[in-house]
């Protein structure tokens, strides 16, 4: 999994920091997004990812809704 590009979306700054620390240990290339809108903006801006880690419970748009929007 080394060098995989991973989008991490979570509205909790603490969770983002923890996931970033784990990703560094695994040598993943990550893009952190503090909201579903920020994650979608990265994709719409042309960034590509091998995987996405999505918070299940977020205000406005939850993880499953975000996954559907990404796939669309």
PDB file of N, CA and C in Angstrom:
ATOM      1  N   UNK A   1       0.812  -1.209   0.000  1.00  0.00           N
ATOM      2  CA  UNK A   1       0.000   0.000   0.000  1.00  0.00           C
ATOM      3  C   UNK A   1       0.851   1.268   0.000  1.00  0.00           C
ATOM      4  N   UNK A   2       2.140   1.094   0.102  1.00  0.00           N
ATOM      5  CA  UNK A   2       3.032   2.257   0.112  1.00  0.00           C
ATOM      6  C   UNK A   2       2.791   3.115  -1.125  1.00  0.00           C
ATOM      7  N   UNK A   3       2.722   4.403  -0.907  1.00  0.00           N
ATOM      8  CA  UNK A   3       2.560   5.411  -1.960  1.00  0.00           C
ATOM      9  C   UNK A   3       1.149   5.466  -2.548  1.00  0.00           C
ATOM     10  N   UNK A   4       0.195   4.752  -1.962  1.00  0.00           N
ATOM     11  CA  UNK A   4      -1.192   4.901  -2.405  1.00  0.00           C
ATOM     12  C   UNK A   4      -1.674   6.301  -2.068  1.00  0.00           C
ATOM     13  N   UNK A   5      -2.489   6.858  -2.924  1.00  0.00           N
ATOM     14  CA  UNK A   5      -3.097   8.168  -2.648  1.00  0.00           C
ATOM     15  C   UNK A   5      -4.458   7.924  -2.013  1.00  0.00           C
ATOM     16  N   UNK A   6      -4.634   8.475  -0.813  1.00  0.00           N
ATOM     17  CA  UNK A   6      -5.859   8.233  -0.055  1.00  0.00           C
ATOM     18  C   UNK A   6      -6.487   9.561   0.344  1.00  0.00           C
ATOM     19  N   UNK A   7      -7.782   9.680   0.084  1.00  0.00           N
ATOM     20  CA  UNK A   7      -8.563  10.829   0.535  1.00  0.00           C
ATOM     21  C   UNK A   7      -9.163  10.465   1.886  1.00  0.00           C
ATOM     22  N   UNK A   8      -8.924  11.310   2.892  1.00  0.00           N
ATOM     23  CA  UNK A   8      -9.479  11.097   4.230  1.00  0.00           C
ATOM     24  C   UNK A   8     -10.425  12.249   4.524  1.00  0.00           C
ATOM     25  N   UNK A   9     -11.702  11.929   4.759  1.00  0.00           N
ATOM     26  CA  UNK A   9     -12.700  12.958   5.032  1.00  0.00           C
ATOM     27  C   UNK A   9     -13.311  12.702   6.403  1.00  0.00           C
ATOM     28  N   UNK A  10     -13.159  13.682   7.278  1.00  0.00           N
ATOM     29  CA  UNK A  10     -13.718  13.584   8.631  1.00  0.00           C
ATOM     30  C   UNK A  10     -13.918  14.993   9.157  1.00  0.00           C
ATOM     31  N   UNK A  11     -15.040  15.234   9.811  1.00  0.00           N
ATOM     32  CA  UNK A  11     -15.294  16.567  10.357  1.00  0.00           C
ATOM     33  C   UNK A  11     -14.615  16.768  11.702  1.00  0.00           C
ATOM     34  N   UNK A  12     -13.968  15.754  12.244  1.00  0.00           N
ATOM     35  CA  UNK A  12     -13.258  15.857  13.515  1.00  0.00           C
ATOM     36  C   UNK A  12     -11.767  16.070  13.259  1.00  0.00           C
ATOM     37  N   UNK A  13     -11.248  17.198  13.707  1.00  0.00           N
ATOM     38  CA  UNK A  13      -9.830  17.499  13.530  1.00  0.00           C
ATOM     39  C   UNK A  13      -8.959  16.456  14.236  1.00  0.00           C
ATOM     40  N   UNK A  14      -9.400  15.987  15.397  1.00  0.00           N
ATOM     41  CA  UNK A  14      -8.653  14.961  16.133  1.00  0.00           C
ATOM     42  C   UNK A  14      -8.534  13.689  15.301  1.00  0.00           C
ATOM     43  N   UNK A  15      -9.635  13.253  14.708  1.00  0.00           N
ATOM     44  CA  UNK A  15      -9.604  12.057  13.870  1.00  0.00           C
ATOM     45  C   UNK A  15      -8.699  12.241  12.656  1.00  0.00           C
ATOM     46  N   UNK A  16      -8.752  13.420  12.045  1.00  0.00           N
ATOM     47  CA  UNK A  16      -7.882  13.688  10.904  1.00  0.00           C
ATOM     48  C   UNK A  16      -6.417  13.588  11.307  1.00  0.00           C
ATOM     49  N   UNK A  17      -6.069  14.140  12.459  1.00  0.00           N
ATOM     50  CA  UNK A  17      -4.685  14.091  12.921  1.00  0.00           C
ATOM     51  C   UNK A  17      -4.238  12.663  13.212  1.00  0.00           C
ATOM     52  N   UNK A  18      -5.121  11.863  13.829  1.00  0.00           N
ATOM     53  CA  UNK A  18      -4.790  10.463  14.100  1.00  0.00           C
ATOM     54  C   UNK A  18      -4.610   9.671  12.805  1.00  0.00           C
ATOM     55  N   UNK A  19      -5.518   9.841  11.882  1.00  0.00           N
ATOM     56  CA  UNK A  19      -5.416   9.128  10.611  1.00  0.00           C
ATOM     57  C   UNK A  19      -4.197   9.574   9.810  1.00  0.00           C
ATOM     58  N   UNK A  20      -3.853  10.850   9.888  1.00  0.00           N
ATOM     59  CA  UNK A  20      -2.650  11.340   9.208  1.00  0.00           C
ATOM     60  C   UNK A  20      -1.396  10.698   9.798  1.00  0.00           C
ATOM     61  N   UNK A  21      -1.362  10.548  11.115  1.00  0.00           N
ATOM     62  CA  UNK A  21      -0.208   9.914  11.760  1.00  0.00           C
ATOM     63  C   UNK A  21      -0.064   8.460  11.318  1.00  0.00           C
ATOM     64  N   UNK A  22      -1.179   7.742  11.268  1.00  0.00           N
ATOM     65  CA  UNK A  22      -1.149   6.345  10.808  1.00  0.00           C
ATOM     66  C   UNK A  22      -0.707   6.287   9.345  1.00  0.00           C
ATOM     67  N   UNK A  23      -1.231   7.170   8.537  1.00  0.00           N
ATOM     68  CA  UNK A  23      -0.889   7.193   7.113  1.00  0.00           C
ATOM     69  C   UNK A  23       0.599   7.451   6.913  1.00  0.00           C
ATOM     70  N   UNK A  24       1.178   8.339   7.714  1.00  0.00           N
ATOM     71  CA  UNK A  24       2.620   8.596   7.611  1.00  0.00           C
ATOM     72  C   UNK A  24       3.417   7.340   7.932  1.00  0.00           C
ATOM     73  N   UNK A  25       2.984   6.613   8.962  1.00  0.00           N
ATOM     74  CA  UNK A  25       3.664   5.368   9.328  1.00  0.00           C
ATOM     75  C   UNK A  25       3.594   4.347   8.188  1.00  0.00           C
ATOM     76  N   UNK A  26       2.488   4.310   7.495  1.00  0.00           N
ATOM     77  CA  UNK A  26       2.292   3.358   6.401  1.00  0.00           C
ATOM     78  C   UNK A  26       2.832   3.893   5.072  1.00  0.00           C
ATOM     79  N   UNK A  27       3.341   5.119   5.106  1.00  0.00           N
ATOM     80  CA  UNK A  27       3.898   5.786   3.924  1.00  0.00           C
ATOM     81  C   UNK A  27       2.869   5.964   2.804  1.00  0.00           C
ATOM     82  N   UNK A  28       1.666   6.307   3.223  1.00  0.00           N
ATOM     83  CA  UNK A  28       0.611   6.633   2.265  1.00  0.00           C
ATOM     84  C   UNK A  28       0.705   8.106   1.910  1.00  0.00           C
ATOM     85  N   UNK A  29       0.274   8.443   0.730  1.00  0.00           N
ATOM     86  CA  UNK A  29       0.146   9.843   0.342  1.00  0.00           C
ATOM     87  C   UNK A  29      -1.311  10.209   0.585  1.00  0.00           C
ATOM     88  N   UNK A  30      -1.548  11.145   1.497  1.00  0.00           N
ATOM     89  CA  UNK A  30      -2.924  11.431   1.873  1.00  0.00           C
ATOM     90  C   UNK A  30      -3.312  12.871   1.585  1.00  0.00           C
ATOM     91  N   UNK A  31      -4.609  13.044   1.426  1.00  0.00           N
ATOM     92  CA  UNK A  31      -5.221  14.374   1.300  1.00  0.00           C
ATOM     93  C   UNK A  31      -6.295  14.423   2.367  1.00  0.00           C
ATOM     94  N   UNK A  32      -6.145  15.320   3.322  1.00  0.00           N
ATOM     95  CA  UNK A  32      -7.121  15.461   4.398  1.00  0.00           C
ATOM     96  C   UNK A  32      -8.184  16.470   4.000  1.00  0.00           C
ATOM     97  N   UNK A  33      -9.429  16.145   4.328  1.00  0.00           N
ATOM     98  CA  UNK A  33     -10.540  17.057   4.077  1.00  0.00           C
ATOM     99  C   UNK A  33     -11.409  17.090   5.329  1.00  0.00           C
ATOM    100  N   UNK A  34     -11.707  18.286   5.805  1.00  0.00           N
ATOM    101  CA  UNK A  34     -12.480  18.455   7.024  1.00  0.00           C
ATOM    102  C   UNK A  34     -13.988  18.445   6.825  1.00  0.00           C
ATOM    103  N   UNK A  35     -14.416  18.271   5.581  1.00  0.00           N
ATOM    104  CA  UNK A  35     -15.855  18.223   5.297  1.00  0.00           C
ATOM    105  C   UNK A  35     -16.071  17.468   3.992  1.00  0.00           C
ATOM    106  N   UNK A  36     -17.273  16.949   3.805  1.00  0.00           N
ATOM    107  CA  UNK A  36     -17.575  16.287   2.535  1.00  0.00           C
ATOM    108  C   UNK A  36     -17.390  17.224   1.335  1.00  0.00           C
ATOM    109  N   UNK A  37     -17.751  18.473   1.505  1.00  0.00           N
ATOM    110  CA  UNK A  37     -17.617  19.446   0.421  1.00  0.00           C
ATOM    111  C   UNK A  37     -16.148  19.625   0.023  1.00  0.00           C
ATOM    112  N   UNK A  38     -15.253  19.655   1.020  1.00  0.00           N
ATOM    113  CA  UNK A  38     -13.821  19.787   0.724  1.00  0.00           C
ATOM    114  C   UNK A  38     -13.296  18.559  -0.017  1.00  0.00           C
ATOM    115  N   UNK A  39     -13.770  17.382   0.380  1.00  0.00           N
ATOM    116  CA  UNK A  39     -13.360  16.160  -0.306  1.00  0.00           C
ATOM    117  C   UNK A  39     -13.822  16.144  -1.749  1.00  0.00           C
ATOM    118  N   UNK A  40     -15.075  16.515  -1.961  1.00  0.00           N
ATOM    119  CA  UNK A  40     -15.599  16.579  -3.329  1.00  0.00           C
ATOM    120  C   UNK A  40     -14.875  17.636  -4.154  1.00  0.00           C
ATOM    121  N   UNK A  41     -14.531  18.758  -3.544  1.00  0.00           N
ATOM    122  CA  UNK A  41     -13.818  19.817  -4.261  1.00  0.00           C
ATOM    123  C   UNK A  41     -12.456  19.317  -4.743  1.00  0.00           C
ATOM    124  N   UNK A  42     -11.780  18.515  -3.919  1.00  0.00           N
ATOM    125  CA  UNK A  42     -10.487  17.964  -4.327  1.00  0.00           C
ATOM    126  C   UNK A  42     -10.648  17.081  -5.559  1.00  0.00           C
ATOM    127  N   UNK A  43     -11.674  16.239  -5.551  1.00  0.00           N
ATOM    128  CA  UNK A  43     -11.917  15.349  -6.691  1.00  0.00           C
ATOM    129  C   UNK A  43     -12.321  16.148  -7.923  1.00  0.00           C
ATOM    130  N   UNK A  44     -13.217  17.095  -7.732  1.00  0.00           N
ATOM    131  CA  UNK A  44     -13.662  17.921  -8.861  1.00  0.00           C
ATOM    132  C   UNK A  44     -12.538  18.777  -9.408  1.00  0.00           C
ATOM    133  N   UNK A  45     -11.547  19.063  -8.547  1.00  0.00           N
ATOM    134  CA  UNK A  45     -10.388  19.841  -8.973  1.00  0.00           C
ATOM    135  C   UNK A  45      -9.357  19.014  -9.729  1.00  0.00           C
ATOM    136  N   UNK A  46      -9.626  17.730  -9.901  1.00  0.00           N
ATOM    137  CA  UNK A  46      -8.739  16.902 -10.699  1.00  0.00           C
ATOM    138  C   UNK A  46      -7.835  15.957  -9.920  1.00  0.00           C
ATOM    139  N   UNK A  47      -7.888  16.017  -8.583  1.00  0.00           N
ATOM    140  CA  UNK A  47      -7.070  15.089  -7.811  1.00  0.00           C
ATOM    141  C   UNK A  47      -7.641  13.678  -7.944  1.00  0.00           C
ATOM    142  N   UNK A  48      -6.753  12.702  -7.984  1.00  0.00           N
ATOM    143  CA  UNK A  48      -7.176  11.313  -8.073  1.00  0.00           C
ATOM    144  C   UNK A  48      -6.694  10.554  -6.846  1.00  0.00           C
ATOM    145  N   UNK A  49      -7.447   9.528  -6.468  1.00  0.00           N
ATOM    146  CA  UNK A  49      -7.147   8.759  -5.267  1.00  0.00           C
ATOM    147  C   UNK A  49      -7.338   7.275  -5.538  1.00  0.00           C
ATOM    148  N   UNK A  50      -6.547   6.481  -4.843  1.00  0.00           N
ATOM    149  CA  UNK A  50      -6.679   5.030  -4.919  1.00  0.00           C
ATOM    150  C   UNK A  50      -7.735   4.518  -3.951  1.00  0.00           C
ATOM    151  N   UNK A  51      -7.966   5.272  -2.886  1.00  0.00           N
ATOM    152  CA  UNK A  51      -8.924   4.869  -1.855  1.00  0.00           C
ATOM    153  C   UNK A  51      -9.411   6.102  -1.110  1.00  0.00           C
ATOM    154  N   UNK A  52     -10.501   5.924  -0.375  1.00  0.00           N
ATOM    155  CA  UNK A  52     -11.037   7.001   0.459  1.00  0.00           C
ATOM    156  C   UNK A  52     -11.466   6.430   1.803  1.00  0.00           C
ATOM    157  N   UNK A  53     -11.121   7.136   2.866  1.00  0.00           N
ATOM    158  CA  UNK A  53     -11.604   6.825   4.216  1.00  0.00           C
ATOM    159  C   UNK A  53     -12.585   7.923   4.581  1.00  0.00           C
ATOM    160  N   UNK A  54     -13.840   7.543   4.799  1.00  0.00           N
ATOM    161  CA  UNK A  54     -14.897   8.525   5.021  1.00  0.00           C
ATOM    162  C   UNK A  54     -15.540   8.328   6.384  1.00  0.00           C
ATOM    163  N   UNK A  55     -15.681   9.421   7.109  1.00  0.00           N
ATOM    164  CA  UNK A  55     -16.413   9.406   8.371  1.00  0.00           C
ATOM    165  C   UNK A  55     -17.865   9.046   8.068  1.00  0.00           C
ATOM    166  N   UNK A  56     -18.445   8.166   8.846  1.00  0.00           N
ATOM    167  CA  UNK A  56     -19.820   7.737   8.596  1.00  0.00           C
ATOM    168  C   UNK A  56     -20.820   8.821   8.989  1.00  0.00           C
ATOM    169  N   UNK A  57     -20.578   9.502  10.128  1.00  0.00           N
ATOM    170  CA  UNK A  57     -21.511  10.512  10.640  1.00  0.00           C
ATOM    171  C   UNK A  57     -20.897  11.904  10.521  1.00  0.00           C
ATOM    172  N   UNK A  58     -21.376  12.665   9.555  1.00  0.00           N
ATOM    173  CA  UNK A  58     -20.959  14.055   9.393  1.00  0.00           C
ATOM    174  C   UNK A  58     -22.206  14.889   9.175  1.00  0.00           C
ATOM    175  N   UNK A  59     -22.178  16.138   9.611  1.00  0.00           N
ATOM    176  CA  UNK A  59     -23.340  16.994   9.392  1.00  0.00           C
ATOM    177  C   UNK A  59     -23.501  17.337   7.908  1.00  0.00           C
ATOM    178  N   UNK A  60     -24.731  17.399   7.472  1.00  0.00           N
ATOM    179  CA  UNK A  60     -25.012  17.779   6.089  1.00  0.00           C
ATOM    180  C   UNK A  60     -24.997  16.611   5.133  1.00  0.00           C
ATOM    181  N   UNK A  61     -23.878  15.927   5.039  1.00  0.00           N
ATOM    182  CA  UNK A  61     -23.730  14.789   4.131  1.00  0.00           C
ATOM    183  C   UNK A  61     -22.957  13.712   4.881  1.00  0.00           C
ATOM    184  N   UNK A  62     -23.574  12.543   5.065  1.00  0.00           N
ATOM    185  CA  UNK A  62     -22.865  11.496   5.800  1.00  0.00           C
ATOM    186  C   UNK A  62     -21.951  10.700   4.853  1.00  0.00           C
ATOM    187  N   UNK A  63     -21.208   9.765   5.421  1.00  0.00           N
ATOM    188  CA  UNK A  63     -20.247   8.993   4.646  1.00  0.00           C
ATOM    189  C   UNK A  63     -20.849   8.254   3.461  1.00  0.00           C
ATOM    190  N   UNK A  64     -21.969   7.524   3.649  1.00  0.00           N
ATOM    191  CA  UNK A  64     -22.564   6.840   2.497  1.00  0.00           C
ATOM    192  C   UNK A  64     -23.027   7.800   1.399  1.00  0.00           C
ATOM    193  N   UNK A  65     -23.569   8.943   1.781  1.00  0.00           N
ATOM    194  CA  UNK A  65     -23.976   9.933   0.765  1.00  0.00           C
ATOM    195  C   UNK A  65     -22.758  10.455   0.010  1.00  0.00           C
ATOM    196  N   UNK A  66     -21.678  10.702   0.753  1.00  0.00           N
ATOM    197  CA  UNK A  66     -20.446  11.181   0.121  1.00  0.00           C
ATOM    198  C   UNK A  66     -19.897  10.118  -0.819  1.00  0.00           C
ATOM    199  N   UNK A  67     -19.916   8.875  -0.413  1.00  0.00           N
ATOM    200  CA  UNK A  67     -19.431   7.794  -1.287  1.00  0.00           C
ATOM    201  C   UNK A  67     -20.236   7.762  -2.588  1.00  0.00           C
ATOM    202  N   UNK A  68     -21.541   7.912  -2.489  1.00  0.00           N
ATOM    203  CA  UNK A  68     -22.378   7.929  -3.695  1.00  0.00           C
ATOM    204  C   UNK A  68     -22.039   9.131  -4.587  1.00  0.00           C
ATOM    205  N   UNK A  69     -21.795  10.284  -3.968  1.00  0.00           N
ATOM    206  CA  UNK A  69     -21.441  11.487  -4.737  1.00  0.00           C
ATOM    207  C   UNK A  69     -20.086  11.310  -5.428  1.00  0.00           C
ATOM    208  N   UNK A  70     -19.154  10.668  -4.745  1.00  0.00           N
ATOM    209  CA  UNK A  70     -17.828  10.424  -5.345  1.00  0.00           C
ATOM    210  C   UNK A  70     -17.965   9.494  -6.534  1.00  0.00           C
ATOM    211  N   UNK A  71     -18.734   8.454  -6.391  1.00  0.00           N
ATOM    212  CA  UNK A  71     -18.907   7.500  -7.485  1.00  0.00           C
ATOM    213  C   UNK A  71     -19.594   8.133  -8.683  1.00  0.00           C
ATOM    214  N   UNK A  72     -20.485   9.097  -8.410  1.00  0.00           N
ATOM    215  CA  UNK A  72     -21.201   9.770  -9.506  1.00  0.00           C
ATOM    216  C   UNK A  72     -20.244  10.678 -10.250  1.00  0.00           C
TER     217      UNK A  72
END
